[in-house]
PDB file of all heavy atoms in Angstrom:
ATOM      1  N   SER A   1       0.852  -1.194   0.000  1.00  0.00           N
ATOM      2  CA  SER A   1       0.000   0.000   0.000  1.00  0.00           C
ATOM      3  C   SER A   1       0.882   1.237   0.000  1.00  0.00           C
ATOM      4  O   SER A   1       1.943   1.259   0.609  1.00  0.00           O
ATOM      5  CB  SER A   1      -0.958  -0.003   1.188  1.00  0.00           C
ATOM      6  OG  SER A   1      -0.251  -0.032   2.387  1.00  0.00           O
ATOM      7  N   ARG A   2       0.403   2.241  -0.709  1.00  0.00           N
ATOM      8  CA  ARG A   2       1.110   3.514  -0.789  1.00  0.00           C
ATOM      9  C   ARG A   2       0.093   4.637  -0.757  1.00  0.00           C
ATOM     10  O   ARG A   2      -1.039   4.479  -1.190  1.00  0.00           O
ATOM     11  CB  ARG A   2       1.911   3.598  -2.093  1.00  0.00           C
ATOM     12  CG  ARG A   2       3.054   2.627  -2.164  1.00  0.00           C
ATOM     13  CD  ARG A   2       3.805   2.727  -3.476  1.00  0.00           C
ATOM     14  NE  ARG A   2       3.066   2.291  -4.647  1.00  0.00           N
ATOM     15  CZ  ARG A   2       2.860   1.026  -4.999  1.00  0.00           C
ATOM     16  NH1 ARG A   2       3.317   0.068  -4.243  1.00  0.00           N
ATOM     17  NH2 ARG A   2       2.195   0.723  -6.086  1.00  0.00           N
ATOM     18  N   CYS A   3       0.513   5.776  -0.255  1.00  0.00           N
ATOM     19  CA  CYS A   3      -0.347   6.960  -0.311  1.00  0.00           C
ATOM     20  C   CYS A   3       0.516   8.160  -0.667  1.00  0.00           C
ATOM     21  O   CYS A   3       1.699   8.196  -0.372  1.00  0.00           O
ATOM     22  CB  CYS A   3      -1.082   7.187   0.998  1.00  0.00           C
ATOM     23  SG  CYS A   3      -0.016   7.566   2.388  1.00  0.00           S
ATOM     24  N   ASN A   4      -0.081   9.112  -1.320  1.00  0.00           N
ATOM     25  CA  ASN A   4       0.657  10.280  -1.795  1.00  0.00           C
ATOM     26  C   ASN A   4      -0.023  11.600  -1.481  1.00  0.00           C
ATOM     27  O   ASN A   4       0.291  12.608  -2.063  1.00  0.00           O
ATOM     28  CB  ASN A   4       0.860  10.182  -3.311  1.00  0.00           C
ATOM     29  CG  ASN A   4       1.731   9.018  -3.685  1.00  0.00           C
ATOM     30  OD1 ASN A   4       2.825   8.871  -3.170  1.00  0.00           O
ATOM     31  ND2 ASN A   4       1.241   8.163  -4.557  1.00  0.00           N
ATOM     32  N   SER A   5      -0.960  11.601  -0.591  1.00  0.00           N
ATOM     33  CA  SER A   5      -1.712  12.809  -0.317  1.00  0.00           C
ATOM     34  C   SER A   5      -1.265  13.466   0.981  1.00  0.00           C
ATOM     35  O   SER A   5      -0.997  12.788   1.970  1.00  0.00           O
ATOM     36  CB  SER A   5      -3.196  12.479  -0.224  1.00  0.00           C
ATOM     37  OG  SER A   5      -3.912  13.610   0.198  1.00  0.00           O
ATOM     38  N   ILE A   6      -1.212  14.765   0.991  1.00  0.00           N
ATOM     39  CA  ILE A   6      -0.851  15.473   2.219  1.00  0.00           C
ATOM     40  C   ILE A   6      -1.989  15.463   3.236  1.00  0.00           C
ATOM     41  O   ILE A   6      -1.809  15.850   4.379  1.00  0.00           O
ATOM     42  CB  ILE A   6      -0.407  16.922   1.932  1.00  0.00           C
ATOM     43  CG1 ILE A   6      -1.527  17.718   1.266  1.00  0.00           C
ATOM     44  CG2 ILE A   6       0.863  16.957   1.110  1.00  0.00           C
ATOM     45  CD1 ILE A   6      -1.235  19.203   1.174  1.00  0.00           C
ATOM     46  N   THR A   7      -3.168  14.973   2.833  1.00  0.00           N
ATOM     47  CA  THR A   7      -4.302  14.915   3.757  1.00  0.00           C
ATOM     48  C   THR A   7      -4.409  13.577   4.492  1.00  0.00           C
ATOM     49  O   THR A   7      -5.237  13.427   5.373  1.00  0.00           O
ATOM     50  CB  THR A   7      -5.625  15.157   3.006  1.00  0.00           C
ATOM     51  OG1 THR A   7      -5.795  14.140   2.022  1.00  0.00           O
ATOM     52  CG2 THR A   7      -5.630  16.527   2.359  1.00  0.00           C
ATOM     53  N   VAL A   8      -3.564  12.602   4.137  1.00  0.00           N
ATOM     54  CA  VAL A   8      -3.625  11.271   4.749  1.00  0.00           C
ATOM     55  C   VAL A   8      -2.987  11.305   6.139  1.00  0.00           C
ATOM     56  O   VAL A   8      -1.925  11.885   6.333  1.00  0.00           O
ATOM     57  CB  VAL A   8      -2.901  10.249   3.843  1.00  0.00           C
ATOM     58  CG1 VAL A   8      -2.758   8.911   4.536  1.00  0.00           C
ATOM     59  CG2 VAL A   8      -3.646  10.109   2.530  1.00  0.00           C
ATOM     60  N   SER A   9      -3.654  10.679   7.117  1.00  0.00           N
ATOM     61  CA  SER A   9      -3.109  10.663   8.472  1.00  0.00           C
ATOM     62  C   SER A   9      -2.592   9.301   8.895  1.00  0.00           C
ATOM     63  O   SER A   9      -1.776   9.206   9.808  1.00  0.00           O
ATOM     64  CB  SER A   9      -4.158  11.144   9.480  1.00  0.00           C
ATOM     65  OG  SER A   9      -5.282  10.303   9.455  1.00  0.00           O
ATOM     66  N   ALA A  10      -3.043   8.197   8.256  1.00  0.00           N
ATOM     67  CA  ALA A  10      -2.561   6.869   8.640  1.00  0.00           C
ATOM     68  C   ALA A  10      -2.717   5.895   7.485  1.00  0.00           C
ATOM     69  O   ALA A  10      -3.657   5.986   6.701  1.00  0.00           O
ATOM     70  CB  ALA A  10      -3.316   6.354   9.856  1.00  0.00           C
ATOM     71  N   LEU A  11      -1.785   4.979   7.417  1.00  0.00           N
ATOM     72  CA  LEU A  11      -1.794   3.911   6.424  1.00  0.00           C
ATOM     73  C   LEU A  11      -1.353   2.659   7.159  1.00  0.00           C
ATOM     74  O   LEU A  11      -0.269   2.630   7.731  1.00  0.00           O
ATOM     75  CB  LEU A  11      -0.829   4.260   5.288  1.00  0.00           C
ATOM     76  CG  LEU A  11      -0.651   3.277   4.151  1.00  0.00           C
ATOM     77  CD1 LEU A  11      -1.984   3.040   3.438  1.00  0.00           C
ATOM     78  CD2 LEU A  11       0.376   3.796   3.171  1.00  0.00           C
ATOM     79  N   GLU A  12      -2.203   1.623   7.178  1.00  0.00           N
ATOM     80  CA  GLU A  12      -1.912   0.458   8.011  1.00  0.00           C
ATOM     81  C   GLU A  12      -2.389  -0.816   7.323  1.00  0.00           C
ATOM     82  O   GLU A  12      -3.404  -0.823   6.643  1.00  0.00           O
ATOM     83  CB  GLU A  12      -2.643   0.632   9.346  1.00  0.00           C
ATOM     84  CG  GLU A  12      -2.421  -0.462  10.341  1.00  0.00           C
ATOM     85  CD  GLU A  12      -3.089  -0.143  11.671  1.00  0.00           C
ATOM     86  OE1 GLU A  12      -3.106   1.037  12.074  1.00  0.00           O
ATOM     87  OE2 GLU A  12      -3.614  -1.069  12.291  1.00  0.00           O
ATOM     88  N   ILE A  13      -1.611  -1.902   7.502  1.00  0.00           N
ATOM     89  CA  ILE A  13      -2.005  -3.241   7.065  1.00  0.00           C
ATOM     90  C   ILE A  13      -1.974  -4.133   8.299  1.00  0.00           C
ATOM     91  O   ILE A  13      -0.977  -4.165   9.010  1.00  0.00           O
ATOM     92  CB  ILE A  13      -1.029  -3.830   6.019  1.00  0.00           C
ATOM     93  CG1 ILE A  13      -1.026  -3.012   4.732  1.00  0.00           C
ATOM     94  CG2 ILE A  13      -1.388  -5.282   5.717  1.00  0.00           C
ATOM     95  CD1 ILE A  13       0.026  -3.480   3.731  1.00  0.00           C
ATOM     96  N   GLN A  14      -3.065  -4.862   8.553  1.00  0.00           N
ATOM     97  CA  GLN A  14      -3.090  -5.861   9.617  1.00  0.00           C
ATOM     98  C   GLN A  14      -3.371  -7.214   8.987  1.00  0.00           C
ATOM     99  O   GLN A  14      -4.281  -7.348   8.178  1.00  0.00           O
ATOM    100  CB  GLN A  14      -4.172  -5.560  10.649  1.00  0.00           C
ATOM    101  CG  GLN A  14      -3.873  -4.368  11.510  1.00  0.00           C
ATOM    102  CD  GLN A  14      -4.926  -4.173  12.589  1.00  0.00           C
ATOM    103  OE1 GLN A  14      -5.889  -4.917  12.697  1.00  0.00           O
ATOM    104  NE2 GLN A  14      -4.730  -3.150  13.389  1.00  0.00           N
ATOM    105  N   VAL A  15      -2.575  -8.218   9.380  1.00  0.00           N
ATOM    106  CA  VAL A  15      -2.732  -9.569   8.869  1.00  0.00           C
ATOM    107  C   VAL A  15      -3.380 -10.406   9.964  1.00  0.00           C
ATOM    108  O   VAL A  15      -3.122 -10.183  11.143  1.00  0.00           O
ATOM    109  CB  VAL A  15      -1.357 -10.141   8.441  1.00  0.00           C
ATOM    110  CG1 VAL A  15      -1.499 -11.544   7.895  1.00  0.00           C
ATOM    111  CG2 VAL A  15      -0.718  -9.227   7.396  1.00  0.00           C
ATOM    112  N   ASP A  16      -4.196 -11.416   9.588  1.00  0.00           N
ATOM    113  CA  ASP A  16      -5.013 -12.108  10.583  1.00  0.00           C
ATOM    114  C   ASP A  16      -4.232 -12.865  11.648  1.00  0.00           C
ATOM    115  O   ASP A  16      -4.791 -13.259  12.658  1.00  0.00           O
ATOM    116  CB  ASP A  16      -6.042 -13.016   9.922  1.00  0.00           C
ATOM    117  CG  ASP A  16      -5.461 -14.228   9.228  1.00  0.00           C
ATOM    118  OD1 ASP A  16      -4.235 -14.407   9.197  1.00  0.00           O
ATOM    119  OD2 ASP A  16      -6.253 -15.012   8.697  1.00  0.00           O
ATOM    120  N   ASN A  17      -2.929 -13.033  11.472  1.00  0.00           N
ATOM    121  CA  ASN A  17      -2.150 -13.684  12.524  1.00  0.00           C
ATOM    122  C   ASN A  17      -1.602 -12.672  13.534  1.00  0.00           C
ATOM    123  O   ASN A  17      -0.802 -13.015  14.390  1.00  0.00           O
ATOM    124  CB  ASN A  17      -1.004 -14.495  11.919  1.00  0.00           C
ATOM    125  CG  ASN A  17       0.020 -13.629  11.202  1.00  0.00           C
ATOM    126  OD1 ASN A  17      -0.078 -12.407  11.193  1.00  0.00           O
ATOM    127  ND2 ASN A  17       1.007 -14.257  10.597  1.00  0.00           N
ATOM    128  N   GLY A  18      -2.034 -11.427  13.430  1.00  0.00           N
ATOM    129  CA  GLY A  18      -1.598 -10.406  14.385  1.00  0.00           C
ATOM    130  C   GLY A  18      -0.463  -9.543  13.886  1.00  0.00           C
ATOM    131  O   GLY A  18      -0.123  -8.532  14.484  1.00  0.00           O
ATOM    132  N   GLN A  19       0.156  -9.929  12.761  1.00  0.00           N
ATOM    133  CA  GLN A  19       1.239  -9.132  12.192  1.00  0.00           C
ATOM    134  C   GLN A  19       0.676  -7.792  11.757  1.00  0.00           C
ATOM    135  O   GLN A  19      -0.428  -7.706  11.250  1.00  0.00           O
ATOM    136  CB  GLN A  19       1.820  -9.885  11.004  1.00  0.00           C
ATOM    137  CG  GLN A  19       2.845  -9.133  10.209  1.00  0.00           C
ATOM    138  CD  GLN A  19       3.249  -9.926   8.974  1.00  0.00           C
ATOM    139  OE1 GLN A  19       2.821 -11.032   8.767  1.00  0.00           O
ATOM    140  NE2 GLN A  19       4.087  -9.333   8.162  1.00  0.00           N
ATOM    141  N   MET A  20       1.431  -6.741  11.947  1.00  0.00           N
ATOM    142  CA  MET A  20       0.948  -5.424  11.557  1.00  0.00           C
ATOM    143  C   MET A  20       2.074  -4.626  10.932  1.00  0.00           C
ATOM    144  O   MET A  20       3.207  -4.664  11.392  1.00  0.00           O
ATOM    145  CB  MET A  20       0.403  -4.679  12.770  1.00  0.00           C
ATOM    146  CG  MET A  20      -0.166  -3.320  12.427  1.00  0.00           C
ATOM    147  SD  MET A  20      -0.993  -2.518  13.804  1.00  0.00           S
ATOM    148  CE  MET A  20       0.332  -2.258  14.943  1.00  0.00           C
ATOM    149  N   ALA A  21       1.755  -3.915   9.878  1.00  0.00           N
ATOM    150  CA  ALA A  21       2.675  -2.963   9.270  1.00  0.00           C
ATOM    151  C   ALA A  21       1.995  -1.610   9.316  1.00  0.00           C
ATOM    152  O   ALA A  21       0.830  -1.484   8.967  1.00  0.00           O
ATOM    153  CB  ALA A  21       2.984  -3.363   7.830  1.00  0.00           C
ATOM    154  N   LEU A  22       2.700  -0.600   9.775  1.00  0.00           N
ATOM    155  CA  LEU A  22       2.085   0.707   9.977  1.00  0.00           C
ATOM    156  C   LEU A  22       2.987   1.798   9.428  1.00  0.00           C
ATOM    157  O   LEU A  22       4.191   1.784   9.629  1.00  0.00           O
ATOM    158  CB  LEU A  22       1.848   0.938  11.470  1.00  0.00           C
ATOM    159  CG  LEU A  22       1.420   2.332  11.921  1.00  0.00           C
ATOM    160  CD1 LEU A  22       0.025   2.645  11.399  1.00  0.00           C
ATOM    161  CD2 LEU A  22       1.450   2.419  13.433  1.00  0.00           C
ATOM    162  N   ALA A  23       2.374   2.730   8.726  1.00  0.00           N
ATOM    163  CA  ALA A  23       3.082   3.932   8.295  1.00  0.00           C
ATOM    164  C   ALA A  23       2.246   5.117   8.761  1.00  0.00           C
ATOM    165  O   ALA A  23       1.114   5.274   8.350  1.00  0.00           O
ATOM    166  CB  ALA A  23       3.244   3.966   6.780  1.00  0.00           C
ATOM    167  N   SER A  24       2.786   5.892   9.643  1.00  0.00           N
ATOM    168  CA  SER A  24       2.074   7.072  10.114  1.00  0.00           C
ATOM    169  C   SER A  24       2.538   8.250   9.285  1.00  0.00           C
ATOM    170  O   SER A  24       3.724   8.574   9.262  1.00  0.00           O
ATOM    171  CB  SER A  24       2.364   7.316  11.592  1.00  0.00           C
ATOM    172  OG  SER A  24       1.682   8.451  12.041  1.00  0.00           O
ATOM    173  N   VAL A  25       1.626   8.906   8.601  1.00  0.00           N
ATOM    174  CA  VAL A  25       1.988   9.954   7.659  1.00  0.00           C
ATOM    175  C   VAL A  25       1.980  11.329   8.318  1.00  0.00           C
ATOM    176  O   VAL A  25       2.564  12.264   7.826  1.00  0.00           O
ATOM    177  CB  VAL A  25       1.044   9.901   6.437  1.00  0.00           C
ATOM    178  CG1 VAL A  25       1.439  10.908   5.400  1.00  0.00           C
ATOM    179  CG2 VAL A  25       1.049   8.514   5.843  1.00  0.00           C
ATOM    180  N   LEU A  26       1.353  11.455   9.441  1.00  0.00           N
ATOM    181  CA  LEU A  26       1.371  12.675  10.252  1.00  0.00           C
ATOM    182  C   LEU A  26       0.835  13.909   9.535  1.00  0.00           C
ATOM    183  O   LEU A  26       1.448  14.964   9.512  1.00  0.00           O
ATOM    184  CB  LEU A  26       2.779  12.940  10.790  1.00  0.00           C
ATOM    185  CG  LEU A  26       3.358  11.824  11.643  1.00  0.00           C
ATOM    186  CD1 LEU A  26       4.796  12.132  11.998  1.00  0.00           C
ATOM    187  CD2 LEU A  26       2.538  11.594  12.888  1.00  0.00           C
ATOM    188  N   ASN A  27      -0.312  13.777   8.928  1.00  0.00           N
ATOM    189  CA  ASN A  27      -1.058  14.916   8.361  1.00  0.00           C
ATOM    190  C   ASN A  27      -0.230  15.920   7.569  1.00  0.00           C
ATOM    191  O   ASN A  27      -0.133  17.081   7.919  1.00  0.00           O
ATOM    192  CB  ASN A  27      -1.814  15.638   9.471  1.00  0.00           C
ATOM    193  CG  ASN A  27      -2.955  14.816   9.998  1.00  0.00           C
ATOM    194  OD1 ASN A  27      -3.590  14.105   9.244  1.00  0.00           O
ATOM    195  ND2 ASN A  27      -3.193  14.890  11.279  1.00  0.00           N
ATOM    196  N   GLY A  28       0.359  15.467   6.509  1.00  0.00           N
ATOM    197  CA  GLY A  28       1.035  16.379   5.602  1.00  0.00           C
ATOM    198  C   GLY A  28       2.491  16.663   5.912  1.00  0.00           C
ATOM    199  O   GLY A  28       3.117  17.455   5.229  1.00  0.00           O
ATOM    200  N   ASN A  29       3.059  16.011   6.914  1.00  0.00           N
ATOM    201  CA  ASN A  29       4.466  16.236   7.224  1.00  0.00           C
ATOM    202  C   ASN A  29       5.389  15.428   6.324  1.00  0.00           C
ATOM    203  O   ASN A  29       6.594  15.473   6.477  1.00  0.00           O
ATOM    204  CB  ASN A  29       4.755  15.910   8.695  1.00  0.00           C
ATOM    205  CG  ASN A  29       4.131  16.933   9.622  1.00  0.00           C
ATOM    206  OD1 ASN A  29       3.945  18.084   9.246  1.00  0.00           O
ATOM    207  ND2 ASN A  29       3.801  16.515  10.823  1.00  0.00           N
ATOM    208  N   THR A  30       4.823  14.683   5.402  1.00  0.00           N
ATOM    209  CA  THR A  30       5.618  13.944   4.437  1.00  0.00           C
ATOM    210  C   THR A  30       4.845  13.899   3.115  1.00  0.00           C
ATOM    211  O   THR A  30       3.633  14.052   3.107  1.00  0.00           O
ATOM    212  CB  THR A  30       5.930  12.520   4.942  1.00  0.00           C
ATOM    213  OG1 THR A  30       6.775  11.881   3.998  1.00  0.00           O
ATOM    214  CG2 THR A  30       4.675  11.703   5.154  1.00  0.00           C
ATOM    215  N   ALA A  31       5.548  13.689   2.031  1.00  0.00           N
ATOM    216  CA  ALA A  31       4.898  13.652   0.720  1.00  0.00           C
ATOM    217  C   ALA A  31       4.184  12.337   0.466  1.00  0.00           C
ATOM    218  O   ALA A  31       3.343  12.241  -0.397  1.00  0.00           O
ATOM    219  CB  ALA A  31       5.937  13.890  -0.369  1.00  0.00           C
ATOM    220  N   GLY A  32       4.516  11.293   1.214  1.00  0.00           N
ATOM    221  CA  GLY A  32       3.875   9.997   1.002  1.00  0.00           C
ATOM    222  C   GLY A  32       4.531   8.919   1.829  1.00  0.00           C
ATOM    223  O   GLY A  32       5.536   9.149   2.486  1.00  0.00           O
ATOM    224  N   ALA A  33       3.932   7.736   1.809  1.00  0.00           N
ATOM    225  CA  ALA A  33       4.450   6.607   2.565  1.00  0.00           C
ATOM    226  C   ALA A  33       4.056   5.322   1.864  1.00  0.00           C
ATOM    227  O   ALA A  33       3.086   5.299   1.101  1.00  0.00           O
ATOM    228  CB  ALA A  33       3.903   6.625   3.989  1.00  0.00           C
ATOM    229  N   GLY A  34       4.777   4.253   2.131  1.00  0.00           N
ATOM    230  CA  GLY A  34       4.445   2.954   1.557  1.00  0.00           C
ATOM    231  C   GLY A  34       4.860   1.833   2.478  1.00  0.00           C
ATOM    232  O   GLY A  34       5.846   1.946   3.198  1.00  0.00           O
ATOM    233  N   ILE A  35       4.078   0.749   2.476  1.00  0.00           N
ATOM    234  CA  ILE A  35       4.393  -0.416   3.292  1.00  0.00           C
ATOM    235  C   ILE A  35       4.046  -1.678   2.521  1.00  0.00           C
ATOM    236  O   ILE A  35       3.236  -1.650   1.591  1.00  0.00           O
ATOM    237  CB  ILE A  35       3.643  -0.402   4.647  1.00  0.00           C
ATOM    238  CG1 ILE A  35       2.140  -0.165   4.451  1.00  0.00           C
ATOM    239  CG2 ILE A  35       4.214   0.628   5.579  1.00  0.00           C
ATOM    240  CD1 ILE A  35       1.345  -0.146   5.735  1.00  0.00           C
ATOM    241  N   CYS A  36       4.672  -2.808   2.888  1.00  0.00           N
ATOM    242  CA  CYS A  36       4.319  -4.085   2.287  1.00  0.00           C
ATOM    243  C   CYS A  36       4.475  -5.187   3.325  1.00  0.00           C
ATOM    244  O   CYS A  36       5.206  -5.045   4.302  1.00  0.00           O
ATOM    245  CB  CYS A  36       5.137  -4.379   1.039  1.00  0.00           C
ATOM    246  SG  CYS A  36       6.874  -4.667   1.321  1.00  0.00           S
ATOM    247  N   SER A  37       3.777  -6.299   3.094  1.00  0.00           N
ATOM    248  CA  SER A  37       3.806  -7.417   4.021  1.00  0.00           C
ATOM    249  C   SER A  37       3.610  -8.713   3.246  1.00  0.00           C
ATOM    250  O   SER A  37       2.779  -8.782   2.339  1.00  0.00           O
ATOM    251  CB  SER A  37       2.687  -7.250   5.062  1.00  0.00           C
ATOM    252  OG  SER A  37       2.702  -8.307   5.986  1.00  0.00           O
ATOM    253  N   TYR A  38       4.372  -9.752   3.602  1.00  0.00           N
ATOM    254  CA  TYR A  38       4.212 -11.073   2.992  1.00  0.00           C
ATOM    255  C   TYR A  38       3.041 -11.781   3.657  1.00  0.00           C
ATOM    256  O   TYR A  38       2.907 -11.748   4.881  1.00  0.00           O
ATOM    257  CB  TYR A  38       5.498 -11.899   3.173  1.00  0.00           C
ATOM    258  CG  TYR A  38       5.418 -13.250   2.529  1.00  0.00           C
ATOM    259  CD1 TYR A  38       5.608 -13.382   1.161  1.00  0.00           C
ATOM    260  CD2 TYR A  38       5.137 -14.382   3.270  1.00  0.00           C
ATOM    261  CE1 TYR A  38       5.529 -14.624   0.548  1.00  0.00           C
ATOM    262  CE2 TYR A  38       5.054 -15.626   2.671  1.00  0.00           C
ATOM    263  CZ  TYR A  38       5.250 -15.743   1.306  1.00  0.00           C
ATOM    264  OH  TYR A  38       5.164 -16.968   0.704  1.00  0.00           O
TER     265      TYR A  38
END
């Protein structure tokens, strides 16, 4: 998952075994974020 908007505040993937990948974008303090999970 990727996001490119300055209005995004959170980007998160949760997998059913409890694994979690999180990218906190902090409301416009970055141009974008991306995460991946197997």
